[in-house]
Amino acid sequence: MTTRHLSMTDTLLMNIATLWIAGRGPKAPGTWGSLAAMLLAPFAFLPLPLPYRIMMLAVVFVLGSLAAARVEVIMGQKDPGCVVIDELVGLWVCYLFFPWLSPLLLAIGFVLFRIFDIAKPWPVRASETWLPGGWSVMLDDVFAGGYAGACLWLVWFVLQ
């Protein structure tokens, strides 16, 4: 990452952007960040009523955008791989409209989100350039989560 000493604020923003340790592994940080988001969802997201989920996503989107922008400056690169707060927002967008999800559907949503996050169909890839800094880091995952959520609804419907 970086060898220079970070202020307390920068350390906090780095921890938020990387979901503490999820984004700091040597391989596949986006997958680890998505896994952390999937494991947190049944406790920190899915129990909430829909209006609170939307508010939580808005707050995490803004905070994640600010944290991602700062980490870009600290690390001197655009959208560093260690920034995985965007995976949390994207996967939780996928889960947003479900009143509950079984472990199987959580896992299917995880896989679908990773597919769309990696493949980046339009407008996922295009959205990476629509906004400056951390905002675009977060936005592309919101679109990937939307695609994954739509597909998860189809899976959910078929399994009913």
N, C-alpha and C. Protein backbone atom coordinates (compact mmCIF):
# COMPACT_ATOMS: atom_id res chain seq x y z
N MET A 1 0.83 -1.18 0.00
CA MET A 1 0.00 0.00 0.00
C MET A 1 0.87 1.24 0.00
N THR A 2 1.14 1.78 1.16
CA THR A 2 1.99 2.95 1.25
C THR A 2 2.82 2.85 2.51
N THR A 3 4.02 3.42 2.48
CA THR A 3 4.89 3.31 3.65
C THR A 3 4.90 4.59 4.46
N ARG A 4 4.30 5.66 3.96
CA ARG A 4 4.32 6.90 4.72
C ARG A 4 3.31 6.85 5.86
N HIS A 5 3.57 7.63 6.88
CA HIS A 5 2.69 7.68 8.05
C HIS A 5 1.39 8.38 7.68
N LEU A 6 0.28 7.79 8.07
CA LEU A 6 -1.03 8.37 7.77
C LEU A 6 -1.59 9.06 9.01
N SER A 7 -2.29 10.15 8.79
CA SER A 7 -2.99 10.82 9.89
C SER A 7 -4.12 9.91 10.37
N MET A 8 -4.70 10.25 11.52
CA MET A 8 -5.83 9.47 12.03
C MET A 8 -7.00 9.49 11.04
N THR A 9 -7.24 10.65 10.44
CA THR A 9 -8.33 10.77 9.47
C THR A 9 -8.06 9.89 8.26
N ASP A 10 -6.83 9.95 7.74
CA ASP A 10 -6.49 9.13 6.57
C ASP A 10 -6.56 7.64 6.91
N THR A 11 -6.14 7.28 8.11
CA THR A 11 -6.22 5.88 8.54
C THR A 11 -7.67 5.43 8.59
N LEU A 12 -8.54 6.26 9.14
CA LEU A 12 -9.97 5.93 9.20
C LEU A 12 -10.54 5.79 7.79
N LEU A 13 -10.24 6.74 6.90
CA LEU A 13 -10.75 6.67 5.53
C LEU A 13 -10.20 5.45 4.79
N MET A 14 -8.94 5.11 5.03
CA MET A 14 -8.35 3.92 4.43
C MET A 14 -9.07 2.66 4.93
N ASN A 15 -9.36 2.62 6.22
CA ASN A 15 -10.07 1.46 6.79
C ASN A 15 -11.49 1.35 6.24
N ILE A 16 -12.16 2.47 6.08
CA ILE A 16 -13.51 2.46 5.50
C ILE A 16 -13.44 1.98 4.05
N ALA A 17 -12.55 2.55 3.28
CA ALA A 17 -12.45 2.22 1.85
C ALA A 17 -12.10 0.76 1.62
N THR A 18 -11.29 0.19 2.51
CA THR A 18 -10.84 -1.20 2.34
C THR A 18 -11.67 -2.19 3.15
N LEU A 19 -12.72 -1.70 3.82
CA LEU A 19 -13.50 -2.54 4.74
C LEU A 19 -12.56 -3.25 5.72
N TRP A 20 -11.71 -2.49 6.31
CA TRP A 20 -10.69 -2.90 7.27
C TRP A 20 -9.73 -3.88 6.64
N ILE A 21 -9.95 -5.17 6.69
CA ILE A 21 -8.96 -6.09 6.11
C ILE A 21 -9.42 -6.70 4.79
N ALA A 22 -10.69 -6.59 4.46
CA ALA A 22 -11.23 -7.29 3.28
C ALA A 22 -10.51 -6.91 1.99
N GLY A 23 -10.14 -5.66 1.83
CA GLY A 23 -9.50 -5.22 0.60
C GLY A 23 -7.99 -5.27 0.63
N ARG A 24 -7.42 -5.77 1.70
CA ARG A 24 -5.96 -5.72 1.85
C ARG A 24 -5.25 -7.03 1.56
N GLY A 25 -5.99 -8.02 1.09
CA GLY A 25 -5.36 -9.29 0.76
C GLY A 25 -4.56 -9.18 -0.52
N PRO A 26 -3.67 -10.16 -0.75
CA PRO A 26 -2.81 -10.08 -1.94
C PRO A 26 -3.51 -10.40 -3.25
N LYS A 27 -4.60 -11.13 -3.20
CA LYS A 27 -5.29 -11.55 -4.43
C LYS A 27 -6.78 -11.26 -4.33
N ALA A 28 -7.38 -10.87 -5.42
CA ALA A 28 -8.84 -10.72 -5.59
C ALA A 28 -9.50 -9.89 -4.49
N PRO A 29 -9.05 -8.65 -4.27
CA PRO A 29 -9.67 -7.85 -3.20
C PRO A 29 -11.15 -7.58 -3.43
N GLY A 30 -11.58 -7.43 -4.68
CA GLY A 30 -12.99 -7.20 -4.96
C GLY A 30 -13.86 -8.37 -4.54
N THR A 31 -13.35 -9.57 -4.74
CA THR A 31 -14.08 -10.76 -4.32
C THR A 31 -14.16 -10.83 -2.80
N TRP A 32 -13.05 -10.54 -2.13
CA TRP A 32 -13.04 -10.54 -0.66
C TRP A 32 -13.96 -9.45 -0.11
N GLY A 33 -13.96 -8.29 -0.74
CA GLY A 33 -14.85 -7.22 -0.30
C GLY A 33 -16.31 -7.60 -0.49
N SER A 34 -16.61 -8.25 -1.61
CA SER A 34 -17.98 -8.71 -1.86
C SER A 34 -18.39 -9.80 -0.87
N LEU A 35 -17.45 -10.68 -0.54
CA LEU A 35 -17.73 -11.72 0.45
C LEU A 35 -18.03 -11.10 1.81
N ALA A 36 -17.25 -10.10 2.20
CA ALA A 36 -17.52 -9.39 3.46
C ALA A 36 -18.90 -8.75 3.43
N ALA A 37 -19.26 -8.14 2.31
CA ALA A 37 -20.58 -7.51 2.17
C ALA A 37 -21.69 -8.54 2.28
N MET A 38 -21.49 -9.71 1.67
CA MET A 38 -22.50 -10.76 1.73
C MET A 38 -22.67 -11.26 3.17
N LEU A 39 -21.56 -11.42 3.88
CA LEU A 39 -21.63 -11.92 5.26
C LEU A 39 -22.23 -10.89 6.21
N LEU A 40 -22.02 -9.61 5.93
CA LEU A 40 -22.58 -8.55 6.78
C LEU A 40 -24.07 -8.30 6.51
N ALA A 41 -24.51 -8.55 5.29
CA ALA A 41 -25.88 -8.20 4.89
C ALA A 41 -26.98 -8.76 5.79
N PRO A 42 -26.93 -10.04 6.19
CA PRO A 42 -28.03 -10.55 7.02
C PRO A 42 -28.12 -9.90 8.41
N PHE A 43 -27.06 -9.25 8.84
CA PHE A 43 -27.04 -8.65 10.17
C PHE A 43 -27.17 -7.13 10.14
N ALA A 44 -26.53 -6.51 9.14
CA ALA A 44 -26.44 -5.04 9.13
C ALA A 44 -27.33 -4.38 8.09
N PHE A 45 -27.90 -5.15 7.16
CA PHE A 45 -28.65 -4.54 6.06
C PHE A 45 -30.05 -5.13 5.89
N LEU A 46 -30.14 -6.42 5.70
CA LEU A 46 -31.43 -7.05 5.40
C LEU A 46 -32.48 -6.92 6.50
N PRO A 47 -32.12 -6.86 7.78
CA PRO A 47 -33.16 -6.70 8.81
C PRO A 47 -33.84 -5.33 8.79
N LEU A 48 -33.25 -4.36 8.12
CA LEU A 48 -33.79 -3.00 8.12
C LEU A 48 -34.99 -2.88 7.18
N PRO A 49 -35.95 -2.03 7.52
CA PRO A 49 -37.03 -1.73 6.57
C PRO A 49 -36.45 -1.02 5.34
N LEU A 50 -37.14 -1.13 4.22
CA LEU A 50 -36.65 -0.58 2.95
C LEU A 50 -36.22 0.88 3.04
N PRO A 51 -36.98 1.79 3.66
CA PRO A 51 -36.52 3.18 3.71
C PRO A 51 -35.16 3.34 4.42
N TYR A 52 -34.93 2.55 5.46
CA TYR A 52 -33.65 2.62 6.17
C TYR A 52 -32.52 2.00 5.34
N ARG A 53 -32.84 0.98 4.57
CA ARG A 53 -31.82 0.41 3.67
C ARG A 53 -31.38 1.46 2.65
N ILE A 54 -32.36 2.16 2.09
CA ILE A 54 -32.04 3.20 1.10
C ILE A 54 -31.19 4.29 1.74
N MET A 55 -31.56 4.70 2.94
CA MET A 55 -30.76 5.73 3.64
C MET A 55 -29.36 5.21 3.93
N MET A 56 -29.25 3.95 4.36
CA MET A 56 -27.93 3.38 4.63
C MET A 56 -27.08 3.36 3.37
N LEU A 57 -27.68 2.94 2.26
CA LEU A 57 -26.93 2.93 1.00
C LEU A 57 -26.48 4.34 0.61
N ALA A 58 -27.33 5.33 0.79
CA ALA A 58 -26.96 6.71 0.46
C ALA A 58 -25.80 7.18 1.32
N VAL A 59 -25.86 6.91 2.61
CA VAL A 59 -24.79 7.33 3.52
C VAL A 59 -23.48 6.62 3.18
N VAL A 60 -23.55 5.30 2.97
CA VAL A 60 -22.34 4.54 2.65
C VAL A 60 -21.80 4.95 1.28
N PHE A 61 -22.69 5.27 0.33
CA PHE A 61 -22.24 5.73 -0.98
C PHE A 61 -21.44 7.03 -0.85
N VAL A 62 -21.96 7.98 -0.11
CA VAL A 62 -21.27 9.27 0.06
C VAL A 62 -19.97 9.07 0.83
N LEU A 63 -20.03 8.37 1.96
CA LEU A 63 -18.84 8.13 2.76
C LEU A 63 -17.80 7.34 1.98
N GLY A 64 -18.26 6.32 1.25
CA GLY A 64 -17.35 5.53 0.43
C GLY A 64 -16.72 6.34 -0.69
N SER A 65 -17.48 7.24 -1.29
CA SER A 65 -16.94 8.10 -2.35
C SER A 65 -15.84 9.00 -1.81
N LEU A 66 -16.08 9.58 -0.64
CA LEU A 66 -15.08 10.44 -0.03
C LEU A 66 -13.84 9.64 0.38
N ALA A 67 -14.06 8.46 0.96
CA ALA A 67 -12.94 7.61 1.37
C ALA A 67 -12.15 7.14 0.15
N ALA A 68 -12.84 6.71 -0.90
CA ALA A 68 -12.16 6.24 -2.11
C ALA A 68 -11.33 7.35 -2.75
N ALA A 69 -11.89 8.55 -2.79
CA ALA A 69 -11.15 9.69 -3.36
C ALA A 69 -9.87 9.96 -2.57
N ARG A 70 -9.96 9.88 -1.26
CA ARG A 70 -8.77 10.14 -0.43
C ARG A 70 -7.73 9.03 -0.61
N VAL A 71 -8.19 7.78 -0.69
CA VAL A 71 -7.26 6.67 -0.88
C VAL A 71 -6.58 6.78 -2.25
N GLU A 72 -7.29 7.26 -3.26
CA GLU A 72 -6.66 7.49 -4.56
C GLU A 72 -5.49 8.46 -4.43
N VAL A 73 -5.68 9.51 -3.64
CA VAL A 73 -4.62 10.50 -3.42
C VAL A 73 -3.47 9.87 -2.63
N ILE A 74 -3.80 9.18 -1.56
CA ILE A 74 -2.78 8.56 -0.71
C ILE A 74 -1.93 7.58 -1.51
N MET A 75 -2.58 6.76 -2.34
CA MET A 75 -1.87 5.72 -3.07
C MET A 75 -1.35 6.18 -4.43
N GLY A 76 -1.81 7.35 -4.88
CA GLY A 76 -1.33 7.88 -6.14
C GLY A 76 -1.80 7.09 -7.36
N GLN A 77 -2.98 6.49 -7.27
CA GLN A 77 -3.52 5.76 -8.42
C GLN A 77 -5.03 5.83 -8.43
N LYS A 78 -5.59 5.71 -9.63
CA LYS A 78 -7.05 5.75 -9.81
C LYS A 78 -7.65 4.40 -9.43
N ASP A 79 -8.70 4.42 -8.65
CA ASP A 79 -9.46 3.23 -8.24
C ASP A 79 -8.56 2.07 -7.82
N PRO A 80 -7.79 2.25 -6.74
CA PRO A 80 -6.90 1.17 -6.29
C PRO A 80 -7.71 -0.08 -5.96
N GLY A 81 -7.14 -1.23 -6.24
CA GLY A 81 -7.83 -2.50 -6.00
C GLY A 81 -8.23 -2.72 -4.56
N CYS A 82 -7.48 -2.14 -3.63
CA CYS A 82 -7.79 -2.34 -2.21
C CYS A 82 -9.08 -1.65 -1.78
N VAL A 83 -9.57 -0.70 -2.58
CA VAL A 83 -10.82 -0.01 -2.24
C VAL A 83 -11.98 -0.95 -2.59
N VAL A 84 -12.66 -1.43 -1.54
CA VAL A 84 -13.74 -2.40 -1.74
C VAL A 84 -15.07 -1.96 -1.12
N ILE A 85 -15.13 -0.75 -0.60
CA ILE A 85 -16.40 -0.24 -0.07
C ILE A 85 -17.44 -0.18 -1.20
N ASP A 86 -16.97 0.00 -2.43
CA ASP A 86 -17.88 0.01 -3.57
C ASP A 86 -18.52 -1.36 -3.79
N GLU A 87 -17.80 -2.43 -3.48
CA GLU A 87 -18.39 -3.77 -3.58
C GLU A 87 -19.52 -3.94 -2.56
N LEU A 88 -19.33 -3.41 -1.37
CA LEU A 88 -20.39 -3.49 -0.36
C LEU A 88 -21.65 -2.78 -0.86
N VAL A 89 -21.49 -1.57 -1.36
CA VAL A 89 -22.66 -0.82 -1.86
C VAL A 89 -23.30 -1.56 -3.03
N GLY A 90 -22.49 -2.02 -3.96
CA GLY A 90 -23.03 -2.71 -5.13
C GLY A 90 -23.80 -3.97 -4.78
N LEU A 91 -23.23 -4.79 -3.91
CA LEU A 91 -23.91 -6.03 -3.54
C LEU A 91 -25.17 -5.73 -2.74
N TRP A 92 -25.11 -4.73 -1.88
CA TRP A 92 -26.32 -4.39 -1.12
C TRP A 92 -27.40 -3.78 -2.01
N VAL A 93 -27.02 -3.12 -3.11
CA VAL A 93 -28.02 -2.69 -4.10
C VAL A 93 -28.69 -3.93 -4.69
N CYS A 94 -27.91 -4.96 -4.96
CA CYS A 94 -28.46 -6.22 -5.47
C CYS A 94 -29.51 -6.78 -4.51
N TYR A 95 -29.25 -6.70 -3.22
CA TYR A 95 -30.15 -7.26 -2.20
C TYR A 95 -31.27 -6.31 -1.79
N LEU A 96 -31.26 -5.09 -2.26
CA LEU A 96 -32.09 -4.01 -1.72
C LEU A 96 -33.57 -4.33 -1.58
N PHE A 97 -34.20 -4.87 -2.59
CA PHE A 97 -35.66 -5.01 -2.59
C PHE A 97 -36.16 -6.37 -2.12
N PHE A 98 -35.28 -7.19 -1.57
CA PHE A 98 -35.69 -8.49 -1.06
C PHE A 98 -36.00 -8.38 0.43
N PRO A 99 -37.19 -8.85 0.85
CA PRO A 99 -37.51 -8.78 2.27
C PRO A 99 -36.61 -9.69 3.11
N TRP A 100 -36.16 -10.78 2.54
CA TRP A 100 -35.19 -11.68 3.18
C TRP A 100 -34.56 -12.51 2.09
N LEU A 101 -33.41 -13.10 2.39
CA LEU A 101 -32.74 -13.95 1.42
C LEU A 101 -32.18 -15.17 2.14
N SER A 102 -32.39 -16.33 1.57
CA SER A 102 -31.80 -17.56 2.10
C SER A 102 -30.30 -17.52 1.83
N PRO A 103 -29.53 -18.35 2.52
CA PRO A 103 -28.09 -18.41 2.22
C PRO A 103 -27.81 -18.70 0.75
N LEU A 104 -28.63 -19.55 0.13
CA LEU A 104 -28.45 -19.86 -1.30
C LEU A 104 -28.63 -18.61 -2.15
N LEU A 105 -29.69 -17.84 -1.90
CA LEU A 105 -29.93 -16.63 -2.69
C LEU A 105 -28.89 -15.55 -2.40
N LEU A 106 -28.41 -15.47 -1.16
CA LEU A 106 -27.30 -14.55 -0.86
C LEU A 106 -26.09 -14.90 -1.73
N ALA A 107 -25.78 -16.19 -1.80
CA ALA A 107 -24.62 -16.64 -2.57
C ALA A 107 -24.83 -16.42 -4.07
N ILE A 108 -26.03 -16.69 -4.57
CA ILE A 108 -26.31 -16.45 -5.99
C ILE A 108 -26.18 -14.96 -6.30
N GLY A 109 -26.69 -14.11 -5.43
CA GLY A 109 -26.53 -12.67 -5.61
C GLY A 109 -25.07 -12.26 -5.64
N PHE A 110 -24.27 -12.86 -4.76
CA PHE A 110 -22.83 -12.61 -4.72
C PHE A 110 -22.20 -12.95 -6.08
N VAL A 111 -22.50 -14.14 -6.59
CA VAL A 111 -21.93 -14.57 -7.87
C VAL A 111 -22.39 -13.66 -9.01
N LEU A 112 -23.68 -13.37 -9.05
CA LEU A 112 -24.20 -12.48 -10.10
C LEU A 112 -23.54 -11.11 -10.04
N PHE A 113 -23.40 -10.57 -8.83
CA PHE A 113 -22.76 -9.26 -8.71
C PHE A 113 -21.33 -9.30 -9.21
N ARG A 114 -20.57 -10.34 -8.84
CA ARG A 114 -19.18 -10.43 -9.29
C ARG A 114 -19.12 -10.53 -10.81
N ILE A 115 -20.04 -11.27 -11.41
CA ILE A 115 -20.06 -11.39 -12.88
C ILE A 115 -20.24 -10.01 -13.52
N PHE A 116 -21.24 -9.26 -13.06
CA PHE A 116 -21.50 -7.95 -13.66
C PHE A 116 -20.41 -6.94 -13.31
N ASP A 117 -19.82 -7.05 -12.13
CA ASP A 117 -18.76 -6.13 -11.73
C ASP A 117 -17.50 -6.37 -12.56
N ILE A 118 -17.24 -7.62 -12.91
CA ILE A 118 -16.05 -7.94 -13.71
C ILE A 118 -16.31 -7.72 -15.20
N ALA A 119 -17.47 -8.17 -15.70
CA ALA A 119 -17.79 -8.04 -17.14
C ALA A 119 -18.05 -6.59 -17.54
N LYS A 120 -18.61 -5.82 -16.64
CA LYS A 120 -18.89 -4.39 -16.85
C LYS A 120 -19.67 -4.08 -18.14
N PRO A 121 -20.88 -4.64 -18.28
CA PRO A 121 -21.70 -4.27 -19.44
C PRO A 121 -22.14 -2.81 -19.32
N TRP A 122 -22.58 -2.22 -20.45
CA TRP A 122 -23.05 -0.84 -20.41
C TRP A 122 -24.23 -0.74 -19.45
N PRO A 123 -24.31 0.24 -18.61
CA PRO A 123 -23.47 1.42 -18.43
C PRO A 123 -22.43 1.28 -17.32
N VAL A 124 -22.15 0.03 -16.88
CA VAL A 124 -21.23 -0.15 -15.76
C VAL A 124 -19.87 0.46 -16.08
N ARG A 125 -19.24 0.03 -17.18
CA ARG A 125 -17.91 0.56 -17.52
C ARG A 125 -17.99 2.05 -17.84
N ALA A 126 -18.98 2.46 -18.60
CA ALA A 126 -19.11 3.88 -18.98
C ALA A 126 -19.22 4.78 -17.76
N SER A 127 -19.90 4.31 -16.72
CA SER A 127 -20.13 5.15 -15.54
C SER A 127 -18.85 5.43 -14.76
N GLU A 128 -17.79 4.68 -15.04
CA GLU A 128 -16.51 4.92 -14.36
C GLU A 128 -15.92 6.28 -14.73
N THR A 129 -16.43 6.90 -15.79
CA THR A 129 -15.89 8.19 -16.22
C THR A 129 -16.89 9.33 -16.06
N TRP A 130 -18.08 9.05 -15.59
CA TRP A 130 -19.12 10.07 -15.52
C TRP A 130 -18.92 11.08 -14.41
N LEU A 131 -18.31 10.67 -13.33
CA LEU A 131 -18.13 11.55 -12.17
C LEU A 131 -16.67 11.55 -11.77
N PRO A 132 -16.23 12.58 -11.07
CA PRO A 132 -14.83 12.64 -10.67
C PRO A 132 -14.53 11.77 -9.44
N GLY A 133 -13.27 11.35 -9.34
CA GLY A 133 -12.75 10.72 -8.13
C GLY A 133 -13.54 9.54 -7.62
N GLY A 134 -13.76 9.54 -6.31
CA GLY A 134 -14.41 8.43 -5.64
C GLY A 134 -15.85 8.20 -6.04
N TRP A 135 -16.49 9.22 -6.58
CA TRP A 135 -17.90 9.08 -6.98
C TRP A 135 -18.05 8.03 -8.07
N SER A 136 -17.16 8.05 -9.06
CA SER A 136 -17.24 7.07 -10.14
C SER A 136 -16.79 5.69 -9.67
N VAL A 137 -15.88 5.64 -8.68
CA VAL A 137 -15.48 4.36 -8.10
C VAL A 137 -16.71 3.64 -7.56
N MET A 138 -17.58 4.39 -6.92
CA MET A 138 -18.78 3.82 -6.31
C MET A 138 -19.89 3.56 -7.34
N LEU A 139 -20.04 4.47 -8.30
CA LEU A 139 -21.18 4.43 -9.21
C LEU A 139 -21.23 3.18 -10.07
N ASP A 140 -20.09 2.74 -10.59
CA ASP A 140 -20.13 1.57 -11.47
C ASP A 140 -20.63 0.34 -10.73
N ASP A 141 -20.33 0.24 -9.44
CA ASP A 141 -20.80 -0.91 -8.67
C ASP A 141 -22.29 -0.82 -8.36
N VAL A 142 -22.82 0.38 -8.28
CA VAL A 142 -24.27 0.54 -8.13
C VAL A 142 -24.98 -0.03 -9.36
N PHE A 143 -24.47 0.28 -10.55
CA PHE A 143 -25.06 -0.26 -11.78
C PHE A 143 -24.90 -1.78 -11.85
N ALA A 144 -23.71 -2.29 -11.49
CA ALA A 144 -23.50 -3.74 -11.48
C ALA A 144 -24.46 -4.41 -10.50
N GLY A 145 -24.67 -3.77 -9.34
CA GLY A 145 -25.61 -4.30 -8.36
C GLY A 145 -27.04 -4.28 -8.87
N GLY A 146 -27.39 -3.27 -9.65
CA GLY A 146 -28.72 -3.21 -10.25
C GLY A 146 -28.95 -4.35 -11.21
N TYR A 147 -27.98 -4.62 -12.08
CA TYR A 147 -28.08 -5.76 -12.99
C TYR A 147 -28.20 -7.07 -12.21
N ALA A 148 -27.33 -7.23 -11.22
CA ALA A 148 -27.33 -8.46 -10.43
C ALA A 148 -28.66 -8.63 -9.69
N GLY A 149 -29.19 -7.53 -9.16
CA GLY A 149 -30.47 -7.59 -8.46
C GLY A 149 -31.61 -7.99 -9.37
N ALA A 150 -31.62 -7.46 -10.60
CA ALA A 150 -32.66 -7.83 -11.56
C ALA A 150 -32.58 -9.32 -11.89
N CYS A 151 -31.38 -9.82 -12.07
CA CYS A 151 -31.21 -11.25 -12.35
C CYS A 151 -31.58 -12.09 -11.13
N LEU A 152 -31.24 -11.61 -9.94
CA LEU A 152 -31.58 -12.34 -8.72
C LEU A 152 -33.09 -12.42 -8.54
N TRP A 153 -33.81 -11.38 -8.94
CA TRP A 153 -35.28 -11.43 -8.90
C TRP A 153 -35.79 -12.54 -9.80
N LEU A 154 -35.21 -12.69 -10.98
CA LEU A 154 -35.62 -13.77 -11.88
C LEU A 154 -35.36 -15.14 -11.25
N VAL A 155 -34.19 -15.30 -10.65
CA VAL A 155 -33.86 -16.56 -9.97
C VAL A 155 -34.84 -16.81 -8.83
N TRP A 156 -35.10 -15.79 -8.04
CA TRP A 156 -36.02 -15.90 -6.91
C TRP A 156 -37.42 -16.31 -7.39
N PHE A 157 -37.86 -15.69 -8.49
CA PHE A 157 -39.18 -15.99 -9.05
C PHE A 157 -39.25 -17.45 -9.51
N VAL A 158 -38.21 -17.92 -10.18
CA VAL A 158 -38.17 -19.30 -10.68
C VAL A 158 -38.18 -20.29 -9.52
N LEU A 159 -37.48 -19.97 -8.45
CA LEU A 159 -37.37 -20.89 -7.30
C LEU A 159 -38.61 -20.89 -6.41
N GLN A 160 -39.52 -19.95 -6.61
CA GLN A 160 -40.72 -19.90 -5.75
C GLN A 160 -41.70 -20.99 -6.07
